[in-house]
Amino acid sequence: MKKILFLTGLLIVHAVAGSFTLNDLKNLKNQVARTKERADKDTGDGPCGVDCYMLLSDVEKKLGMSDQGTCVSQCWNGEEYVLDDGREDCVTYTGGICVYNKKIGQKMYSIIVKYASWEAQSGAESVEWEETNEKTEDVSAGDADPDQDGVCDPWVSRNGLMDKYSAVCTGIDDCPNQAGPGKANGCPDYDVPQPPRKFFVLEGVNFKSGTATITPDSRASLMKIVDIMETFKEVTFKIVGHTDNLGSKEKNKRLSADRAAAVKNFLVKNGISASRIETSGMGGSRPVASNKTTEGRAQNRRIEFIRTDVE
């Protein structure tokens, strides 16, 4: 069977379109098996000749693939029968296999027909098949991008057909059976919101010095919170603002409360219900690092999120 798989990998055969179905293929297999069984019973000890078998040419006609197979003879090397794929130790030849690539429905199949030879004629002994992943050129545009994510299936590139299907898809799909954006090569984008923790500090949120004005570079971090709250509708938060100890306690408490309110306003403007968010400001009363260093003060200026929907 390994040799058969090797052969199917080398086939370059155009499929023939038609109404031939998988049931027709199964019926053909059974018909060939019945004729071989009758031949074996007729002689009692083996094949009785081409008169008892379905001819290989008749099998090809039923497949609609006359003279379109890749055939390899079977030979006797003095010890056993083997497929003659360039061997030099063959003594005699008797039958072999032919392999046909055929599109049935929307799938491609490699159909393997084993045959026996007498007097330059061939009688079919068995019919088997296996589904392949190869595509042929007689496909629709939908086959070029079956998951409809705008990224081409790998076979399009392998067959040099990117220009032909450029109006349908671009790039090469690393996940042809799953839809995904082009930036992820057609694979699902797994950077999706996860259920938030009970408590966390929102990194990446910055304010203009001494004010509650959110800087533009904070948008990405804040939009992650929007995504979380849109995904997990049950989540509610208390947003708590903190400052360092520079300035008066009263000013810092007011500034921290204003910054928490500014974050809430951003979320509300982006579609989150105000009823799901409360805010407060702690000023510089709860430092998490030393206020004696620049780095410590930066850590103390923070926005905390505390879930209020869980204990």
Protein backbone atom coordinates (compact mmCIF):
# COMPACT_ATOMS: atom_id res chain seq x y z
CA MET A 1 0.00 0.00 0.00
CA LYS A 2 2.91 2.35 0.60
CA LYS A 3 3.85 2.00 -3.05
CA ILE A 4 0.30 2.83 -4.05
CA LEU A 5 0.37 5.97 -1.92
CA PHE A 6 3.66 6.89 -3.55
CA LEU A 7 2.05 6.56 -6.95
CA THR A 8 -0.97 8.65 -6.05
CA GLY A 9 1.31 11.45 -4.99
CA LEU A 10 2.80 11.55 -8.49
CA LEU A 11 -0.44 11.56 -10.42
CA ILE A 12 -1.16 14.50 -12.68
CA VAL A 13 -4.52 13.50 -14.13
CA HIS A 14 -7.40 15.82 -14.95
CA ALA A 15 -10.65 14.75 -13.36
CA VAL A 16 -13.62 14.18 -15.59
CA ALA A 17 -16.79 15.89 -14.53
CA GLY A 18 -20.06 14.02 -14.73
CA SER A 19 -22.85 12.44 -12.80
CA PHE A 20 -20.74 9.54 -11.50
CA THR A 21 -21.42 9.17 -7.78
CA LEU A 22 -19.78 7.46 -4.83
CA ASN A 23 -22.57 4.88 -4.93
CA ASP A 24 -21.66 4.14 -8.55
CA LEU A 25 -18.09 3.55 -7.40
CA LYS A 26 -19.27 1.18 -4.68
CA ASN A 27 -21.43 -0.71 -7.19
CA LEU A 28 -18.44 -0.98 -9.53
CA LYS A 29 -16.34 -2.42 -6.72
CA ASN A 30 -19.01 -5.02 -5.95
CA GLN A 31 -19.40 -5.93 -9.63
CA VAL A 32 -15.66 -6.51 -10.02
CA ALA A 33 -15.59 -8.57 -6.81
CA ARG A 34 -18.48 -10.73 -8.00
CA THR A 35 -16.86 -11.47 -11.37
CA LYS A 36 -13.59 -12.44 -9.67
CA GLU A 37 -15.41 -14.66 -7.21
CA ARG A 38 -17.23 -16.40 -10.05
CA ALA A 39 -13.95 -16.89 -11.91
CA ASP A 40 -12.30 -18.44 -8.86
CA LYS A 41 -15.25 -20.81 -8.37
CA ASP A 42 -15.22 -21.79 -12.05
CA THR A 43 -11.69 -23.15 -11.89
CA GLY A 44 -11.47 -24.13 -8.26
CA ASP A 45 -7.82 -23.19 -8.15
CA GLY A 46 -7.47 -19.68 -9.54
CA PRO A 47 -8.34 -17.29 -12.40
CA CYS A 48 -9.84 -18.78 -15.54
CA GLY A 49 -8.81 -15.99 -17.90
CA VAL A 50 -10.16 -12.74 -19.25
CA ASP A 51 -13.48 -14.33 -20.18
CA CYS A 52 -14.35 -14.55 -16.46
CA TYR A 53 -13.27 -11.05 -15.46
CA MET A 54 -14.51 -7.55 -16.14
CA LEU A 55 -11.93 -6.05 -18.46
CA LEU A 56 -9.85 -3.14 -17.21
CA SER A 57 -11.00 -1.19 -20.26
CA ASP A 58 -14.63 -1.69 -19.18
CA VAL A 59 -13.80 -0.46 -15.69
CA GLU A 60 -12.25 2.68 -17.20
CA LYS A 61 -15.36 3.27 -19.32
CA LYS A 62 -17.58 3.06 -16.25
CA LEU A 63 -15.30 5.54 -14.48
CA GLY A 64 -15.34 7.77 -17.56
CA MET A 65 -11.53 7.76 -17.50
CA SER A 66 -10.33 5.62 -20.41
CA ASP A 67 -6.55 5.75 -20.76
CA GLN A 68 -6.29 8.33 -17.98
CA GLY A 69 -4.77 6.16 -15.28
CA THR A 70 -1.19 5.68 -14.14
CA CYS A 71 -0.44 1.96 -14.30
CA VAL A 72 2.40 -0.07 -12.85
CA SER A 73 2.96 -3.77 -13.60
CA GLN A 74 3.37 -6.42 -10.96
CA CYS A 75 6.39 -8.66 -11.39
CA TRP A 76 7.87 -11.87 -9.97
CA ASN A 77 11.41 -11.23 -8.73
CA GLY A 78 12.13 -14.85 -8.01
CA GLU A 79 10.79 -14.74 -4.48
CA GLU A 80 7.56 -12.72 -4.44
CA TYR A 81 5.26 -10.56 -6.53
CA VAL A 82 6.10 -6.85 -6.23
CA LEU A 83 5.18 -3.64 -8.04
CA ASP A 84 7.68 -2.84 -10.77
CA ASP A 85 8.62 0.76 -10.02
CA GLY A 86 11.94 0.62 -11.85
CA ARG A 87 13.20 -2.66 -10.42
CA GLU A 88 15.91 -4.60 -12.21
CA ASP A 89 15.23 -8.01 -10.66
CA CYS A 90 11.91 -8.77 -12.36
CA VAL A 91 11.69 -12.16 -14.02
CA THR A 92 8.10 -12.29 -15.27
CA TYR A 93 5.16 -9.90 -15.22
CA THR A 94 1.60 -10.67 -14.21
CA GLY A 95 -0.97 -7.92 -13.80
CA GLY A 96 -0.47 -4.78 -11.73
CA ILE A 97 -2.39 -1.72 -10.58
CA CYS A 98 -3.77 1.41 -12.20
CA VAL A 99 -4.55 4.56 -10.24
CA TYR A 100 -7.06 7.22 -11.35
CA ASN A 101 -7.74 10.64 -9.84
CA LYS A 102 -11.41 11.51 -10.11
CA LYS A 103 -13.62 14.23 -8.68
CA ILE A 104 -16.84 12.78 -7.28
CA GLY A 105 -19.19 15.41 -5.94
CA GLN A 106 -17.01 18.03 -4.28
CA LYS A 107 -14.20 15.66 -3.29
CA MET A 108 -11.21 14.12 -5.04
CA TYR A 109 -10.55 10.38 -4.91
CA SER A 110 -7.64 8.19 -5.90
CA ILE A 111 -9.22 5.03 -7.35
CA ILE A 112 -6.92 1.99 -7.31
CA VAL A 113 -7.72 -0.88 -9.67
CA LYS A 114 -5.77 -4.12 -9.38
CA TYR A 115 -5.71 -6.17 -12.59
CA ALA A 116 -4.44 -9.52 -13.94
CA SER A 117 -3.00 -9.94 -17.46
CA TRP A 118 -3.24 -12.72 -20.00
CA GLU A 119 -2.25 -12.42 -23.67
CA ALA A 120 -1.92 -8.63 -23.52
CA GLN A 121 -5.46 -8.28 -22.14
CA SER A 122 -6.35 -7.25 -18.59
CA GLY A 123 -9.02 -8.40 -16.18
CA ALA A 124 -9.91 -6.30 -13.12
CA GLU A 125 -9.51 -8.10 -9.78
CA SER A 126 -10.43 -5.38 -7.28
CA VAL A 127 -11.37 -1.70 -6.94
CA GLU A 128 -10.42 0.40 -3.92
CA TRP A 129 -10.23 4.15 -3.33
CA GLU A 130 -9.13 6.80 -0.88
CA GLU A 131 -10.15 10.42 -0.49
CA THR A 132 -7.41 12.92 -1.25
CA ASN A 133 -6.94 16.60 -0.48
CA GLU A 134 -5.85 17.53 -3.98
CA LYS A 135 -7.85 19.99 -6.06
CA THR A 136 -8.20 20.24 -9.82
CA GLU A 137 -8.65 23.32 -11.96
CA ASP A 138 -12.30 22.60 -12.65
CA VAL A 139 -13.38 24.08 -9.32
CA SER A 140 -15.64 26.97 -8.49
CA ALA A 141 -14.51 30.21 -6.89
CA GLY A 142 -16.09 29.02 -3.65
CA ASP A 143 -13.64 26.12 -3.49
CA ALA A 144 -10.77 28.63 -3.49
CA ASP A 145 -12.00 30.01 -0.17
CA PRO A 146 -14.52 27.56 1.34
CA ASP A 147 -14.42 29.10 4.83
CA GLN A 148 -15.16 32.50 3.24
CA ASP A 149 -12.58 34.44 5.23
CA GLY A 150 -11.01 36.09 2.17
CA VAL A 151 -7.79 34.05 2.47
CA CYS A 152 -7.02 31.50 -0.28
CA ASP A 153 -6.77 27.77 0.38
CA PRO A 154 -3.15 26.52 0.06
CA TRP A 155 -3.91 24.56 -3.14
CA VAL A 156 -4.56 27.83 -4.99
CA SER A 157 -0.96 28.91 -4.49
CA ARG A 158 0.44 25.40 -5.11
CA ASN A 159 -1.24 25.34 -8.51
CA GLY A 160 -0.18 28.88 -9.45
CA LEU A 161 -3.78 30.16 -9.46
CA MET A 162 -3.48 33.17 -7.15
CA ASP A 163 -4.07 35.61 -10.01
CA LYS A 164 -7.08 33.63 -11.25
CA TYR A 165 -8.83 33.89 -7.88
CA SER A 166 -7.51 37.32 -6.85
CA ALA A 167 -11.05 38.72 -6.86
CA VAL A 168 -12.10 36.06 -4.34
CA CYS A 169 -9.17 35.79 -1.94
CA THR A 170 -5.60 36.85 -1.18
CA GLY A 171 -2.76 35.30 0.80
CA ILE A 172 -2.43 31.66 1.87
CA ASP A 173 -4.75 30.19 4.50
CA ASP A 174 -2.91 28.34 7.32
CA CYS A 175 -6.30 27.20 8.67
CA PRO A 176 -8.38 26.36 5.57
CA ASN A 177 -11.17 24.75 7.61
CA GLN A 178 -11.59 27.67 10.04
CA ALA A 179 -12.38 31.28 9.25
CA GLY A 180 -9.91 33.89 10.45
CA PRO A 181 -8.54 37.32 9.52
CA GLY A 182 -5.82 37.82 6.94
CA LYS A 183 -3.48 39.25 9.57
CA ALA A 184 -3.58 35.81 11.24
CA ASN A 185 -3.12 33.98 7.89
CA GLY A 186 -6.72 32.84 7.90
CA CYS A 187 -6.61 31.33 11.40
CA PRO A 188 -9.03 32.29 14.19
CA ASP A 189 -7.88 35.27 16.25
CA TYR A 190 -7.49 33.81 19.71
CA ASP A 191 -6.76 37.20 21.29
CA VAL A 192 -10.30 37.34 22.68
CA PRO A 193 -11.48 38.68 26.04
CA GLN A 194 -11.14 36.38 29.03
CA PRO A 195 -13.28 36.59 32.20
CA PRO A 196 -11.76 39.37 34.32
CA ARG A 197 -10.16 38.77 37.70
CA LYS A 198 -11.73 40.03 40.93
CA PHE A 199 -9.12 42.77 41.18
CA PHE A 200 -6.54 44.18 38.75
CA VAL A 201 -4.64 47.34 37.94
CA LEU A 202 -5.29 48.57 34.41
CA GLU A 203 -1.92 48.98 32.73
CA GLY A 204 -1.39 51.46 29.91
CA VAL A 205 -3.75 54.20 31.11
CA ASN A 206 -2.07 57.60 31.39
CA PHE A 207 -3.19 61.16 32.15
CA LYS A 208 -1.74 64.57 31.45
CA SER A 209 0.28 65.63 34.44
CA GLY A 210 -1.83 67.06 37.29
CA THR A 211 -5.10 66.55 35.36
CA ALA A 212 -7.81 63.95 34.68
CA THR A 213 -7.33 64.20 30.91
CA ILE A 214 -6.70 60.76 29.41
CA THR A 215 -3.84 60.67 26.90
CA PRO A 216 -4.47 59.22 23.39
CA ASP A 217 -2.07 56.31 23.95
CA SER A 218 -4.46 54.95 26.59
CA ARG A 219 -7.18 54.02 24.10
CA ALA A 220 -5.98 50.46 23.42
CA SER A 221 -6.00 49.52 27.10
CA LEU A 222 -9.40 51.09 27.71
CA MET A 223 -10.93 49.37 24.67
CA LYS A 224 -9.90 46.02 26.15
CA ILE A 225 -12.18 46.83 29.10
CA VAL A 226 -14.96 47.69 26.67
CA ASP A 227 -14.49 44.32 24.96
CA ILE A 228 -14.56 42.51 28.31
CA MET A 229 -17.75 44.23 29.46
CA GLU A 230 -19.44 43.64 26.10
CA THR A 231 -18.50 39.96 26.20
CA PHE A 232 -19.37 39.33 29.86
CA LYS A 233 -22.64 41.18 30.38
CA GLU A 234 -22.89 40.20 34.04
CA VAL A 235 -19.66 41.96 35.03
CA THR A 236 -19.82 45.20 37.04
CA PHE A 237 -16.87 47.22 38.30
CA LYS A 238 -15.81 49.74 40.88
CA ILE A 239 -13.04 51.91 39.43
CA VAL A 240 -10.68 53.34 42.04
CA GLY A 241 -8.17 56.10 41.30
CA HIS A 242 -4.86 56.54 43.18
CA THR A 243 -2.12 59.18 43.13
CA ASP A 244 1.36 59.61 44.59
CA ASN A 245 1.96 61.84 47.64
CA LEU A 246 3.08 64.97 45.79
CA GLY A 247 0.69 67.83 46.52
CA SER A 248 -2.00 68.24 49.14
CA LYS A 249 -4.10 65.33 50.35
CA GLU A 250 -7.31 67.09 49.38
CA LYS A 251 -6.12 67.85 45.87
CA ASN A 252 -4.85 64.31 45.33
CA LYS A 253 -8.10 62.78 46.56
CA ARG A 254 -10.10 64.96 44.19
CA LEU A 255 -7.70 64.26 41.29
CA SER A 256 -7.86 60.49 41.83
CA ALA A 257 -11.68 60.59 41.90
CA ASP A 258 -11.73 62.68 38.70
CA ARG A 259 -9.41 60.25 36.93
CA ALA A 260 -11.60 57.28 37.89
CA ALA A 261 -14.63 59.22 36.60
CA ALA A 262 -12.78 59.99 33.34
CA VAL A 263 -12.21 56.27 32.77
CA LYS A 264 -15.89 55.57 33.44
CA ASN A 265 -16.91 58.30 30.97
CA PHE A 266 -14.72 56.72 28.29
CA LEU A 267 -16.37 53.32 28.81
CA VAL A 268 -19.88 54.83 28.77
CA LYS A 269 -19.15 56.74 25.54
CA ASN A 270 -18.15 53.42 24.00
CA GLY A 271 -21.41 51.70 24.78
CA ILE A 272 -21.11 50.44 28.36
CA SER A 273 -24.04 51.18 30.68
CA ALA A 274 -23.19 53.69 33.40
CA SER A 275 -25.18 51.58 35.88
CA ARG A 276 -22.52 48.87 35.70
CA ILE A 277 -19.74 51.16 36.93
CA GLU A 278 -19.12 53.07 40.16
CA THR A 279 -16.05 55.13 40.97
CA SER A 280 -14.07 56.50 43.88
CA GLY A 281 -10.75 58.23 44.58
CA MET A 282 -8.27 57.32 47.30
CA GLY A 283 -5.68 60.03 46.64
CA GLY A 284 -2.28 58.99 47.93
CA SER A 285 -3.53 57.15 50.99
CA ARG A 286 -2.79 53.62 49.72
CA PRO A 287 0.66 53.50 48.16
CA VAL A 288 1.97 50.20 46.77
CA ALA A 289 5.57 51.43 46.47
CA SER A 290 7.89 54.01 47.98
CA ASN A 291 7.13 57.64 47.11
CA LYS A 292 10.84 58.45 47.53
CA THR A 293 11.67 57.31 43.98
CA THR A 294 10.34 58.23 40.53
CA GLU A 295 9.59 54.60 39.81
CA GLY A 296 7.71 54.14 43.08
CA ARG A 297 5.58 57.23 42.54
CA ALA A 298 4.72 56.00 39.02
CA GLN A 299 3.45 52.72 40.50
CA ASN A 300 1.34 54.58 43.04
CA ARG A 301 -0.42 56.58 40.29
CA ARG A 302 -2.80 53.88 39.11
CA ILE A 303 -6.34 52.91 38.18
CA GLU A 304 -7.74 49.81 39.89
CA PHE A 305 -10.70 47.71 38.77
CA ILE A 306 -12.64 45.77 41.40
CA ARG A 307 -15.47 43.47 40.36
CA THR A 308 -18.66 44.15 42.30
CA ASP A 309 -20.67 41.28 40.82
CA VAL A 310 -18.70 38.59 42.69
CA GLU A 311 -17.82 38.12 46.35
